[in-house]
PDB file of N, CA and C in Angstrom:
ATOM      1  N   UNK A   1     -55.337  45.623 -12.422  1.00  0.00           N
ATOM      2  CA  UNK A   1     -54.114  45.349 -13.144  1.00  0.00           C
ATOM      3  C   UNK A   1     -53.451  46.666 -13.520  1.00  0.00           C
ATOM      4  N   UNK A   2     -52.892  47.355 -12.584  1.00  0.00           N
ATOM      5  CA  UNK A   2     -52.214  48.608 -12.899  1.00  0.00           C
ATOM      6  C   UNK A   2     -50.848  48.641 -12.255  1.00  0.00           C
ATOM      7  N   UNK A   3     -49.955  49.374 -12.880  1.00  0.00           N
ATOM      8  CA  UNK A   3     -48.615  49.536 -12.347  1.00  0.00           C
ATOM      9  C   UNK A   3     -47.789  48.274 -12.396  1.00  0.00           C
ATOM     10  N   UNK A   4     -47.995  47.444 -13.412  1.00  0.00           N
ATOM     11  CA  UNK A   4     -47.251  46.199 -13.473  1.00  0.00           C
ATOM     12  C   UNK A   4     -46.813  45.896 -14.895  1.00  0.00           C
ATOM     13  N   UNK A   5     -45.757  45.077 -14.986  1.00  0.00           N
ATOM     14  CA  UNK A   5     -45.302  44.620 -16.294  1.00  0.00           C
ATOM     15  C   UNK A   5     -46.172  43.439 -16.729  1.00  0.00           C
ATOM     16  N   UNK A   6     -46.464  43.379 -18.003  1.00  0.00           N
ATOM     17  CA  UNK A   6     -47.271  42.298 -18.554  1.00  0.00           C
ATOM     18  C   UNK A   6     -46.647  41.853 -19.861  1.00  0.00           C
ATOM     19  N   UNK A   7     -47.291  40.904 -20.511  1.00  0.00           N
ATOM     20  CA  UNK A   7     -46.811  40.452 -21.818  1.00  0.00           C
ATOM     21  C   UNK A   7     -47.017  41.495 -22.907  1.00  0.00           C
ATOM     22  N   UNK A   8     -47.798  42.549 -22.629  1.00  0.00           N
ATOM     23  CA  UNK A   8     -47.978  43.606 -23.615  1.00  0.00           C
ATOM     24  C   UNK A   8     -46.894  44.657 -23.493  1.00  0.00           C
ATOM     25  N   UNK A   9     -46.245  44.736 -22.389  1.00  0.00           N
ATOM     26  CA  UNK A   9     -45.261  45.774 -22.098  1.00  0.00           C
ATOM     27  C   UNK A   9     -45.426  46.177 -20.661  1.00  0.00           C
ATOM     28  N   UNK A  10     -46.335  47.119 -20.403  1.00  0.00           N
ATOM     29  CA  UNK A  10     -46.614  47.541 -19.033  1.00  0.00           C
ATOM     30  C   UNK A  10     -47.976  48.215 -18.981  1.00  0.00           C
ATOM     31  N   UNK A  11     -48.606  48.071 -17.837  1.00  0.00           N
ATOM     32  CA  UNK A  11     -49.835  48.804 -17.554  1.00  0.00           C
ATOM     33  C   UNK A  11     -49.461  49.814 -16.484  1.00  0.00           C
ATOM     34  N   UNK A  12     -49.561  51.098 -16.827  1.00  0.00           N
ATOM     35  CA  UNK A  12     -49.165  52.156 -15.904  1.00  0.00           C
ATOM     36  C   UNK A  12     -50.271  52.390 -14.877  1.00  0.00           C
ATOM     37  N   UNK A  13     -49.912  52.945 -13.726  1.00  0.00           N
ATOM     38  CA  UNK A  13     -50.939  53.223 -12.715  1.00  0.00           C
ATOM     39  C   UNK A  13     -52.002  54.178 -13.261  1.00  0.00           C
ATOM     40  N   UNK A  14     -53.249  53.908 -12.900  1.00  0.00           N
ATOM     41  CA  UNK A  14     -54.341  54.784 -13.320  1.00  0.00           C
ATOM     42  C   UNK A  14     -54.151  56.163 -12.713  1.00  0.00           C
ATOM     43  N   UNK A  15     -54.487  57.182 -13.484  1.00  0.00           N
ATOM     44  CA  UNK A  15     -54.428  58.564 -13.005  1.00  0.00           C
ATOM     45  C   UNK A  15     -55.625  59.308 -13.571  1.00  0.00           C
ATOM     46  N   UNK A  16     -56.450  59.826 -12.693  1.00  0.00           N
ATOM     47  CA  UNK A  16     -57.617  60.621 -13.091  1.00  0.00           C
ATOM     48  C   UNK A  16     -58.522  59.878 -14.073  1.00  0.00           C
ATOM     49  N   UNK A  17     -58.695  58.579 -13.836  1.00  0.00           N
ATOM     50  CA  UNK A  17     -59.584  57.793 -14.678  1.00  0.00           C
ATOM     51  C   UNK A  17     -58.999  57.373 -16.008  1.00  0.00           C
ATOM     52  N   UNK A  18     -57.699  57.522 -16.165  1.00  0.00           N
ATOM     53  CA  UNK A  18     -57.041  57.150 -17.420  1.00  0.00           C
ATOM     54  C   UNK A  18     -56.082  55.991 -17.152  1.00  0.00           C
ATOM     55  N   UNK A  19     -56.254  54.924 -17.896  1.00  0.00           N
ATOM     56  CA  UNK A  19     -55.330  53.793 -17.815  1.00  0.00           C
ATOM     57  C   UNK A  19     -54.491  53.774 -19.082  1.00  0.00           C
ATOM     58  N   UNK A  20     -53.193  53.585 -18.905  1.00  0.00           N
ATOM     59  CA  UNK A  20     -52.265  53.532 -20.035  1.00  0.00           C
ATOM     60  C   UNK A  20     -51.669  52.132 -20.116  1.00  0.00           C
ATOM     61  N   UNK A  21     -51.805  51.533 -21.281  1.00  0.00           N
ATOM     62  CA  UNK A  21     -51.154  50.260 -21.569  1.00  0.00           C
ATOM     63  C   UNK A  21     -50.065  50.537 -22.590  1.00  0.00           C
ATOM     64  N   UNK A  22     -48.836  50.221 -22.213  1.00  0.00           N
ATOM     65  CA  UNK A  22     -47.691  50.416 -23.105  1.00  0.00           C
ATOM     66  C   UNK A  22     -47.504  49.135 -23.906  1.00  0.00           C
ATOM     67  N   UNK A  23     -47.679  49.230 -25.201  1.00  0.00           N
ATOM     68  CA  UNK A  23     -47.555  48.079 -26.091  1.00  0.00           C
ATOM     69  C   UNK A  23     -46.129  48.026 -26.630  1.00  0.00           C
ATOM     70  N   UNK A  24     -45.470  46.893 -26.419  1.00  0.00           N
ATOM     71  CA  UNK A  24     -44.071  46.750 -26.807  1.00  0.00           C
ATOM     72  C   UNK A  24     -43.900  45.516 -27.677  1.00  0.00           C
ATOM     73  N   UNK A  25     -43.215  45.680 -28.803  1.00  0.00           N
ATOM     74  CA  UNK A  25     -42.846  44.533 -29.618  1.00  0.00           C
ATOM     75  C   UNK A  25     -43.850  44.165 -30.682  1.00  0.00           C
ATOM     76  N   UNK A  26     -43.956  42.849 -30.913  1.00  0.00           N
ATOM     77  CA  UNK A  26     -44.754  42.305 -32.002  1.00  0.00           C
ATOM     78  C   UNK A  26     -46.098  41.805 -31.501  1.00  0.00           C
ATOM     79  N   UNK A  27     -47.129  42.054 -32.318  1.00  0.00           N
ATOM     80  CA  UNK A  27     -48.469  41.588 -31.998  1.00  0.00           C
ATOM     81  C   UNK A  27     -49.047  40.872 -33.208  1.00  0.00           C
ATOM     82  N   UNK A  28     -49.332  39.593 -33.011  1.00  0.00           N
ATOM     83  CA  UNK A  28     -49.966  38.784 -34.050  1.00  0.00           C
ATOM     84  C   UNK A  28     -50.911  37.811 -33.363  1.00  0.00           C
ATOM     85  N   UNK A  29     -51.432  36.854 -34.111  1.00  0.00           N
ATOM     86  CA  UNK A  29     -52.409  35.920 -33.556  1.00  0.00           C
ATOM     87  C   UNK A  29     -51.873  35.160 -32.346  1.00  0.00           C
ATOM     88  N   UNK A  30     -50.572  34.926 -32.306  1.00  0.00           N
ATOM     89  CA  UNK A  30     -49.976  34.175 -31.197  1.00  0.00           C
ATOM     90  C   UNK A  30     -49.675  35.034 -29.972  1.00  0.00           C
ATOM     91  N   UNK A  31     -49.608  36.347 -30.138  1.00  0.00           N
ATOM     92  CA  UNK A  31     -49.159  37.202 -29.027  1.00  0.00           C
ATOM     93  C   UNK A  31     -50.152  38.274 -28.606  1.00  0.00           C
ATOM     94  N   UNK A  32     -51.292  38.389 -29.268  1.00  0.00           N
ATOM     95  CA  UNK A  32     -52.204  39.503 -29.018  1.00  0.00           C
ATOM     96  C   UNK A  32     -53.096  39.289 -27.787  1.00  0.00           C
ATOM     97  N   UNK A  33     -53.235  38.081 -27.315  1.00  0.00           N
ATOM     98  CA  UNK A  33     -54.171  37.797 -26.211  1.00  0.00           C
ATOM     99  C   UNK A  33     -53.924  38.645 -24.974  1.00  0.00           C
ATOM    100  N   UNK A  34     -52.693  38.816 -24.479  1.00  0.00           N
ATOM    101  CA  UNK A  34     -52.502  39.656 -23.290  1.00  0.00           C
ATOM    102  C   UNK A  34     -52.990  41.097 -23.487  1.00  0.00           C
ATOM    103  N   UNK A  35     -52.814  41.636 -24.676  1.00  0.00           N
ATOM    104  CA  UNK A  35     -53.321  42.980 -24.964  1.00  0.00           C
ATOM    105  C   UNK A  35     -54.839  42.989 -24.916  1.00  0.00           C
ATOM    106  N   UNK A  36     -55.457  42.004 -25.521  1.00  0.00           N
ATOM    107  CA  UNK A  36     -56.913  41.901 -25.522  1.00  0.00           C
ATOM    108  C   UNK A  36     -57.446  41.828 -24.085  1.00  0.00           C
ATOM    109  N   UNK A  37     -56.842  41.004 -23.273  1.00  0.00           N
ATOM    110  CA  UNK A  37     -57.267  40.853 -21.876  1.00  0.00           C
ATOM    111  C   UNK A  37     -57.079  42.157 -21.107  1.00  0.00           C
ATOM    112  N   UNK A  38     -55.913  42.776 -21.239  1.00  0.00           N
ATOM    113  CA  UNK A  38     -55.635  44.026 -20.515  1.00  0.00           C
ATOM    114  C   UNK A  38     -56.591  45.137 -20.941  1.00  0.00           C
ATOM    115  N   UNK A  39     -56.878  45.230 -22.235  1.00  0.00           N
ATOM    116  CA  UNK A  39     -57.792  46.261 -22.726  1.00  0.00           C
ATOM    117  C   UNK A  39     -59.193  46.043 -22.193  1.00  0.00           C
ATOM    118  N   UNK A  40     -59.650  44.814 -22.198  1.00  0.00           N
ATOM    119  CA  UNK A  40     -61.008  44.563 -21.741  1.00  0.00           C
ATOM    120  C   UNK A  40     -61.148  44.652 -20.220  1.00  0.00           C
ATOM    121  N   UNK A  41     -60.084  44.337 -19.503  1.00  0.00           N
ATOM    122  CA  UNK A  41     -60.118  44.561 -18.055  1.00  0.00           C
ATOM    123  C   UNK A  41     -60.262  46.052 -17.773  1.00  0.00           C
ATOM    124  N   UNK A  42     -59.567  46.868 -18.543  1.00  0.00           N
ATOM    125  CA  UNK A  42     -59.669  48.324 -18.365  1.00  0.00           C
ATOM    126  C   UNK A  42     -61.076  48.805 -18.667  1.00  0.00           C
ATOM    127  N   UNK A  43     -61.656  48.321 -19.751  1.00  0.00           N
ATOM    128  CA  UNK A  43     -62.994  48.759 -20.132  1.00  0.00           C
ATOM    129  C   UNK A  43     -64.056  48.274 -19.151  1.00  0.00           C
ATOM    130  N   UNK A  44     -63.797  47.150 -18.498  1.00  0.00           N
ATOM    131  CA  UNK A  44     -64.739  46.630 -17.502  1.00  0.00           C
ATOM    132  C   UNK A  44     -64.624  47.337 -16.159  1.00  0.00           C
ATOM    133  N   UNK A  45     -63.551  48.111 -15.966  1.00  0.00           N
ATOM    134  CA  UNK A  45     -63.330  48.830 -14.711  1.00  0.00           C
ATOM    135  C   UNK A  45     -64.121  50.139 -14.747  1.00  0.00           C
ATOM    136  N   UNK A  46     -65.088  50.315 -13.849  1.00  0.00           N
ATOM    137  CA  UNK A  46     -65.901  51.533 -13.885  1.00  0.00           C
ATOM    138  C   UNK A  46     -65.119  52.810 -13.572  1.00  0.00           C
ATOM    139  N   UNK A  47     -63.940  52.677 -12.992  1.00  0.00           N
ATOM    140  CA  UNK A  47     -63.126  53.849 -12.688  1.00  0.00           C
ATOM    141  C   UNK A  47     -62.297  54.347 -13.860  1.00  0.00           C
ATOM    142  N   UNK A  48     -62.275  53.585 -14.945  1.00  0.00           N
ATOM    143  CA  UNK A  48     -61.488  53.949 -16.126  1.00  0.00           C
ATOM    144  C   UNK A  48     -62.408  54.609 -17.150  1.00  0.00           C
ATOM    145  N   UNK A  49     -62.199  55.914 -17.363  1.00  0.00           N
ATOM    146  CA  UNK A  49     -63.021  56.640 -18.333  1.00  0.00           C
ATOM    147  C   UNK A  49     -62.339  56.735 -19.688  1.00  0.00           C
ATOM    148  N   UNK A  50     -61.022  56.506 -19.724  1.00  0.00           N
ATOM    149  CA  UNK A  50     -60.282  56.533 -20.985  1.00  0.00           C
ATOM    150  C   UNK A  50     -59.191  55.470 -20.937  1.00  0.00           C
ATOM    151  N   UNK A  51     -59.015  54.794 -22.050  1.00  0.00           N
ATOM    152  CA  UNK A  51     -57.957  53.803 -22.189  1.00  0.00           C
ATOM    153  C   UNK A  51     -56.982  54.294 -23.242  1.00  0.00           C
ATOM    154  N   UNK A  52     -55.746  54.456 -22.841  1.00  0.00           N
ATOM    155  CA  UNK A  52     -54.688  54.902 -23.757  1.00  0.00           C
ATOM    156  C   UNK A  52     -53.786  53.713 -24.058  1.00  0.00           C
ATOM    157  N   UNK A  53     -53.628  53.426 -25.340  1.00  0.00           N
ATOM    158  CA  UNK A  53     -52.655  52.421 -25.762  1.00  0.00           C
ATOM    159  C   UNK A  53     -51.474  53.157 -26.369  1.00  0.00           C
ATOM    160  N   UNK A  54     -50.335  53.028 -25.709  1.00  0.00           N
ATOM    161  CA  UNK A  54     -49.106  53.620 -26.233  1.00  0.00           C
ATOM    162  C   UNK A  54     -48.553  52.638 -27.255  1.00  0.00           C
ATOM    163  N   UNK A  55     -48.688  52.971 -28.520  1.00  0.00           N
ATOM    164  CA  UNK A  55     -48.274  52.081 -29.608  1.00  0.00           C
ATOM    165  C   UNK A  55     -46.931  52.476 -30.215  1.00  0.00           C
ATOM    166  N   UNK A  56     -46.253  53.405 -29.598  1.00  0.00           N
ATOM    167  CA  UNK A  56     -45.028  53.965 -30.190  1.00  0.00           C
ATOM    168  C   UNK A  56     -43.899  52.954 -30.325  1.00  0.00           C
ATOM    169  N   UNK A  57     -43.929  51.856 -29.574  1.00  0.00           N
ATOM    170  CA  UNK A  57     -42.854  50.868 -29.665  1.00  0.00           C
ATOM    171  C   UNK A  57     -43.334  49.519 -30.214  1.00  0.00           C
ATOM    172  N   UNK A  58     -44.448  49.539 -30.940  1.00  0.00           N
ATOM    173  CA  UNK A  58     -44.912  48.332 -31.621  1.00  0.00           C
ATOM    174  C   UNK A  58     -44.029  48.130 -32.852  1.00  0.00           C
ATOM    175  N   UNK A  59     -43.467  46.925 -32.977  1.00  0.00           N
ATOM    176  CA  UNK A  59     -42.574  46.649 -34.103  1.00  0.00           C
ATOM    177  C   UNK A  59     -43.250  45.846 -35.208  1.00  0.00           C
ATOM    178  N   UNK A  60     -44.361  45.192 -34.876  1.00  0.00           N
ATOM    179  CA  UNK A  60     -45.120  44.446 -35.879  1.00  0.00           C
ATOM    180  C   UNK A  60     -46.555  44.317 -35.397  1.00  0.00           C
ATOM    181  N   UNK A  61     -47.499  44.432 -36.313  1.00  0.00           N
ATOM    182  CA  UNK A  61     -48.912  44.235 -35.988  1.00  0.00           C
ATOM    183  C   UNK A  61     -49.618  43.678 -37.213  1.00  0.00           C
ATOM    184  N   UNK A  62     -50.467  42.686 -36.987  1.00  0.00           N
ATOM    185  CA  UNK A  62     -51.240  42.139 -38.097  1.00  0.00           C
ATOM    186  C   UNK A  62     -52.726  42.336 -37.831  1.00  0.00           C
ATOM    187  N   UNK A  63     -53.543  41.655 -38.594  1.00  0.00           N
ATOM    188  CA  UNK A  63     -54.984  41.830 -38.477  1.00  0.00           C
ATOM    189  C   UNK A  63     -55.520  41.423 -37.103  1.00  0.00           C
ATOM    190  N   UNK A  64     -54.790  40.590 -36.388  1.00  0.00           N
ATOM    191  CA  UNK A  64     -55.225  40.194 -35.041  1.00  0.00           C
ATOM    192  C   UNK A  64     -55.258  41.390 -34.107  1.00  0.00           C
ATOM    193  N   UNK A  65     -54.246  42.208 -34.149  1.00  0.00           N
ATOM    194  CA  UNK A  65     -54.230  43.394 -33.290  1.00  0.00           C
ATOM    195  C   UNK A  65     -55.225  44.418 -33.806  1.00  0.00           C
ATOM    196  N   UNK A  66     -55.397  44.488 -35.096  1.00  0.00           N
ATOM    197  CA  UNK A  66     -56.375  45.408 -35.655  1.00  0.00           C
ATOM    198  C   UNK A  66     -57.776  45.057 -35.151  1.00  0.00           C
ATOM    199  N   UNK A  67     -58.088  43.788 -35.095  1.00  0.00           N
ATOM    200  CA  UNK A  67     -59.376  43.331 -34.580  1.00  0.00           C
ATOM    201  C   UNK A  67     -59.556  43.765 -33.122  1.00  0.00           C
ATOM    202  N   UNK A  68     -58.538  43.591 -32.308  1.00  0.00           N
ATOM    203  CA  UNK A  68     -58.606  44.006 -30.896  1.00  0.00           C
ATOM    204  C   UNK A  68     -58.798  45.519 -30.805  1.00  0.00           C
ATOM    205  N   UNK A  69     -58.065  46.274 -31.589  1.00  0.00           N
ATOM    206  CA  UNK A  69     -58.181  47.731 -31.554  1.00  0.00           C
ATOM    207  C   UNK A  69     -59.577  48.187 -31.976  1.00  0.00           C
ATOM    208  N   UNK A  70     -60.114  47.573 -33.015  1.00  0.00           N
ATOM    209  CA  UNK A  70     -61.445  47.965 -33.484  1.00  0.00           C
ATOM    210  C   UNK A  70     -62.518  47.616 -32.459  1.00  0.00           C
ATOM    211  N   UNK A  71     -62.416  46.449 -31.840  1.00  0.00           N
ATOM    212  CA  UNK A  71     -63.387  46.085 -30.799  1.00  0.00           C
ATOM    213  C   UNK A  71     -63.290  47.034 -29.616  1.00  0.00           C
ATOM    214  N   UNK A  72     -62.073  47.388 -29.240  1.00  0.00           N
ATOM    215  CA  UNK A  72     -61.863  48.285 -28.113  1.00  0.00           C
ATOM    216  C   UNK A  72     -62.326  49.693 -28.459  1.00  0.00           C
ATOM    217  N   UNK A  73     -62.141  50.092 -29.690  1.00  0.00           N
ATOM    218  CA  UNK A  73     -62.529  51.427 -30.148  1.00  0.00           C
ATOM    219  C   UNK A  73     -64.028  51.652 -30.023  1.00  0.00           C
ATOM    220  N   UNK A  74     -64.804  50.596 -30.154  1.00  0.00           N
ATOM    221  CA  UNK A  74     -66.265  50.719 -30.073  1.00  0.00           C
ATOM    222  C   UNK A  74     -66.729  51.280 -28.735  1.00  0.00           C
ATOM    223  N   UNK A  75     -65.893  51.187 -27.704  1.00  0.00           N
ATOM    224  CA  UNK A  75     -66.266  51.699 -26.380  1.00  0.00           C
ATOM    225  C   UNK A  75     -66.329  53.222 -26.367  1.00  0.00           C
ATOM    226  N   UNK A  76     -65.655  53.857 -27.324  1.00  0.00           N
ATOM    227  CA  UNK A  76     -65.590  55.316 -27.346  1.00  0.00           C
ATOM    228  C   UNK A  76     -64.585  55.879 -26.357  1.00  0.00           C
ATOM    229  N   UNK A  77     -63.832  55.015 -25.697  1.00  0.00           N
ATOM    230  CA  UNK A  77     -62.880  55.469 -24.678  1.00  0.00           C
ATOM    231  C   UNK A  77     -61.422  55.217 -25.059  1.00  0.00           C
ATOM    232  N   UNK A  78     -61.170  54.746 -26.250  1.00  0.00           N
ATOM    233  CA  UNK A  78     -59.812  54.392 -26.672  1.00  0.00           C
ATOM    234  C   UNK A  78     -59.106  55.568 -27.315  1.00  0.00           C
ATOM    235  N   UNK A  79     -57.850  55.772 -26.903  1.00  0.00           N
ATOM    236  CA  UNK A  79     -56.959  56.744 -27.533  1.00  0.00           C
ATOM    237  C   UNK A  79     -55.649  56.024 -27.824  1.00  0.00           C
ATOM    238  N   UNK A  80     -55.142  56.171 -29.032  1.00  0.00           N
ATOM    239  CA  UNK A  80     -53.840  55.609 -29.382  1.00  0.00           C
ATOM    240  C   UNK A  80     -52.799  56.706 -29.289  1.00  0.00           C
ATOM    241  N   UNK A  81     -51.760  56.433 -28.514  1.00  0.00           N
ATOM    242  CA  UNK A  81     -50.675  57.397 -28.344  1.00  0.00           C
ATOM    243  C   UNK A  81     -49.489  56.958 -29.183  1.00  0.00           C
ATOM    244  N   UNK A  82     -48.976  57.859 -29.963  1.00  0.00           N
ATOM    245  CA  UNK A  82     -47.856  57.553 -30.851  1.00  0.00           C
ATOM    246  C   UNK A  82     -46.633  58.323 -30.466  1.00  0.00           C
ATOM    247  N   UNK A  83     -45.751  58.507 -31.377  1.00  0.00           N
ATOM    248  CA  UNK A  83     -45.996  58.406 -32.814  1.00  0.00           C
ATOM    249  C   UNK A  83     -46.271  56.962 -33.241  1.00  0.00           C
ATOM    250  N   UNK A  84     -47.178  56.825 -34.195  1.00  0.00           N
ATOM    251  CA  UNK A  84     -47.563  55.516 -34.701  1.00  0.00           C
ATOM    252  C   UNK A  84     -46.427  54.992 -35.572  1.00  0.00           C
ATOM    253  N   UNK A  85     -45.893  53.805 -35.237  1.00  0.00           N
ATOM    254  CA  UNK A  85     -44.802  53.230 -36.038  1.00  0.00           C
ATOM    255  C   UNK A  85     -45.250  52.968 -37.480  1.00  0.00           C
ATOM    256  N   UNK A  86     -44.305  52.985 -38.387  1.00  0.00           N
ATOM    257  CA  UNK A  86     -44.616  52.861 -39.813  1.00  0.00           C
ATOM    258  C   UNK A  86     -45.349  51.567 -40.140  1.00  0.00           C
ATOM    259  N   UNK A  87     -45.007  50.474 -39.502  1.00  0.00           N
ATOM    260  CA  UNK A  87     -45.685  49.204 -39.810  1.00  0.00           C
ATOM    261  C   UNK A  87     -47.151  49.238 -39.398  1.00  0.00           C
ATOM    262  N   UNK A  88     -47.433  49.845 -38.250  1.00  0.00           N
ATOM    263  CA  UNK A  88     -48.813  49.963 -37.796  1.00  0.00           C
ATOM    264  C   UNK A  88     -49.569  50.976 -38.659  1.00  0.00           C
ATOM    265  N   UNK A  89     -48.904  52.040 -39.002  1.00  0.00           N
ATOM    266  CA  UNK A  89     -49.514  53.045 -39.874  1.00  0.00           C
ATOM    267  C   UNK A  89     -49.864  52.441 -41.232  1.00  0.00           C
ATOM    268  N   UNK A  90     -48.989  51.600 -41.744  1.00  0.00           N
ATOM    269  CA  UNK A  90     -49.230  50.936 -43.027  1.00  0.00           C
ATOM    270  C   UNK A  90     -50.452  50.020 -42.927  1.00  0.00           C
ATOM    271  N   UNK A  91     -50.602  49.302 -41.807  1.00  0.00           N
ATOM    272  CA  UNK A  91     -51.775  48.459 -41.593  1.00  0.00           C
ATOM    273  C   UNK A  91     -53.047  49.303 -41.571  1.00  0.00           C
ATOM    274  N   UNK A  92     -52.995  50.442 -40.876  1.00  0.00           N
ATOM    275  CA  UNK A  92     -54.147  51.352 -40.839  1.00  0.00           C
ATOM    276  C   UNK A  92     -54.479  51.878 -42.241  1.00  0.00           C
ATOM    277  N   UNK A  93     -53.451  52.212 -43.011  1.00  0.00           N
ATOM    278  CA  UNK A  93     -53.666  52.737 -44.362  1.00  0.00           C
ATOM    279  C   UNK A  93     -54.255  51.673 -45.291  1.00  0.00           C
ATOM    280  N   UNK A  94     -53.708  50.461 -45.231  1.00  0.00           N
ATOM    281  CA  UNK A  94     -54.185  49.389 -46.109  1.00  0.00           C
ATOM    282  C   UNK A  94     -55.641  49.045 -45.829  1.00  0.00           C
ATOM    283  N   UNK A  95     -56.045  49.134 -44.574  1.00  0.00           N
ATOM    284  CA  UNK A  95     -57.407  48.760 -44.193  1.00  0.00           C
ATOM    285  C   UNK A  95     -58.330  49.970 -44.074  1.00  0.00           C
ATOM    286  N   UNK A  96     -57.778  51.158 -44.285  1.00  0.00           N
ATOM    287  CA  UNK A  96     -58.528  52.418 -44.259  1.00  0.00           C
ATOM    288  C   UNK A  96     -59.301  52.626 -42.955  1.00  0.00           C
ATOM    289  N   UNK A  97     -58.632  52.343 -41.818  1.00  0.00           N
ATOM    290  CA  UNK A  97     -59.300  52.484 -40.519  1.00  0.00           C
ATOM    291  C   UNK A  97     -58.735  53.618 -39.662  1.00  0.00           C
ATOM    292  N   UNK A  98     -57.711  54.281 -40.111  1.00  0.00           N
ATOM    293  CA  UNK A  98     -57.056  55.301 -39.278  1.00  0.00           C
ATOM    294  C   UNK A  98     -58.053  56.339 -38.766  1.00  0.00           C
ATOM    295  N   UNK A  99     -59.012  56.707 -39.579  1.00  0.00           N
ATOM    296  CA  UNK A  99     -59.960  57.746 -39.179  1.00  0.00           C
ATOM    297  C   UNK A  99     -60.893  57.297 -38.059  1.00  0.00           C
ATOM    298  N   UNK A 100     -60.943  56.011 -37.784  1.00  0.00           N
ATOM    299  CA  UNK A 100     -61.796  55.503 -36.708  1.00  0.00           C
ATOM    300  C   UNK A 100     -61.193  55.722 -35.327  1.00  0.00           C
ATOM    301  N   UNK A 101     -59.880  55.918 -35.281  1.00  0.00           N
ATOM    302  CA  UNK A 101     -59.170  56.022 -34.006  1.00  0.00           C
ATOM    303  C   UNK A 101     -58.852  57.471 -33.649  1.00  0.00           C
ATOM    304  N   UNK A 102     -58.827  57.730 -32.363  1.00  0.00           N
ATOM    305  CA  UNK A 102     -58.282  58.985 -31.869  1.00  0.00           C
ATOM    306  C   UNK A 102     -56.785  58.755 -31.714  1.00  0.00           C
ATOM    307  N   UNK A 103     -55.997  59.458 -32.511  1.00  0.00           N
ATOM    308  CA  UNK A 103     -54.541  59.315 -32.503  1.00  0.00           C
ATOM    309  C   UNK A 103     -53.918  60.608 -32.013  1.00  0.00           C
ATOM    310  N   UNK A 104     -53.043  60.508 -31.013  1.00  0.00           N
ATOM    311  CA  UNK A 104     -52.349  61.675 -30.513  1.00  0.00           C
ATOM    312  C   UNK A 104     -50.863  61.364 -30.410  1.00  0.00           C
ATOM    313  N   UNK A 105     -50.079  62.407 -30.319  1.00  0.00           N
ATOM    314  CA  UNK A 105     -48.637  62.262 -30.250  1.00  0.00           C
ATOM    315  C   UNK A 105     -48.181  62.225 -28.804  1.00  0.00           C
ATOM    316  N   UNK A 106     -48.048  61.044 -28.241  1.00  0.00           N
ATOM    317  CA  UNK A 106     -47.519  60.890 -26.898  1.00  0.00           C
ATOM    318  C   UNK A 106     -48.567  60.612 -25.830  1.00  0.00           C
ATOM    319  N   UNK A 107     -48.121  59.944 -24.787  1.00  0.00           N
ATOM    320  CA  UNK A 107     -48.995  59.540 -23.685  1.00  0.00           C
ATOM    321  C   UNK A 107     -49.549  60.749 -22.944  1.00  0.00           C
ATOM    322  N   UNK A 108     -48.734  61.747 -22.700  1.00  0.00           N
ATOM    323  CA  UNK A 108     -49.216  62.914 -21.944  1.00  0.00           C
ATOM    324  C   UNK A 108     -50.325  63.649 -22.691  1.00  0.00           C
ATOM    325  N   UNK A 109     -50.203  63.742 -23.997  1.00  0.00           N
ATOM    326  CA  UNK A 109     -51.272  64.364 -24.783  1.00  0.00           C
ATOM    327  C   UNK A 109     -52.542  63.534 -24.689  1.00  0.00           C
ATOM    328  N   UNK A 110     -52.409  62.227 -24.685  1.00  0.00           N
ATOM    329  CA  UNK A 110     -53.572  61.340 -24.579  1.00  0.00           C
ATOM    330  C   UNK A 110     -54.225  61.462 -23.205  1.00  0.00           C
ATOM    331  N   UNK A 111     -53.415  61.535 -22.178  1.00  0.00           N
ATOM    332  CA  UNK A 111     -53.956  61.681 -20.816  1.00  0.00           C
ATOM    333  C   UNK A 111     -54.740  62.967 -20.663  1.00  0.00           C
ATOM    334  N   UNK A 112     -54.356  64.012 -21.365  1.00  0.00           N
ATOM    335  CA  UNK A 112     -54.959  65.323 -21.156  1.00  0.00           C
ATOM    336  C   UNK A 112     -56.235  65.564 -21.970  1.00  0.00           C
ATOM    337  N   UNK A 113     -56.637  64.617 -22.783  1.00  0.00           N
ATOM    338  CA  UNK A 113     -57.879  64.792 -23.573  1.00  0.00           C
ATOM    339  C   UNK A 113     -59.100  64.842 -22.675  1.00  0.00           C
TER     340      UNK A 113
END
């Protein structure tokens, strides 16, 4: 599942073992499933050594997306590319989980880790 548009936004072509999922719009209990599926497909792919979620255009996120991010983070291969929108940052602050994630400014910075 690379190089295609999805309900999450887009999954960019893999490059050097890095898959980028561009997250666009709102994520809640009704809309988070495509992100969950795309993230886990990436983690199940042995050619993917890092998963980058571009969260810069997320307009809303609730605990449903936080659950997906935390489960995905356990793999040790997740990087969140920002800038992190204020609503998502507020969710991270309220739940005190920001320190659990690798956060970088932009997709290219995430790819180069």
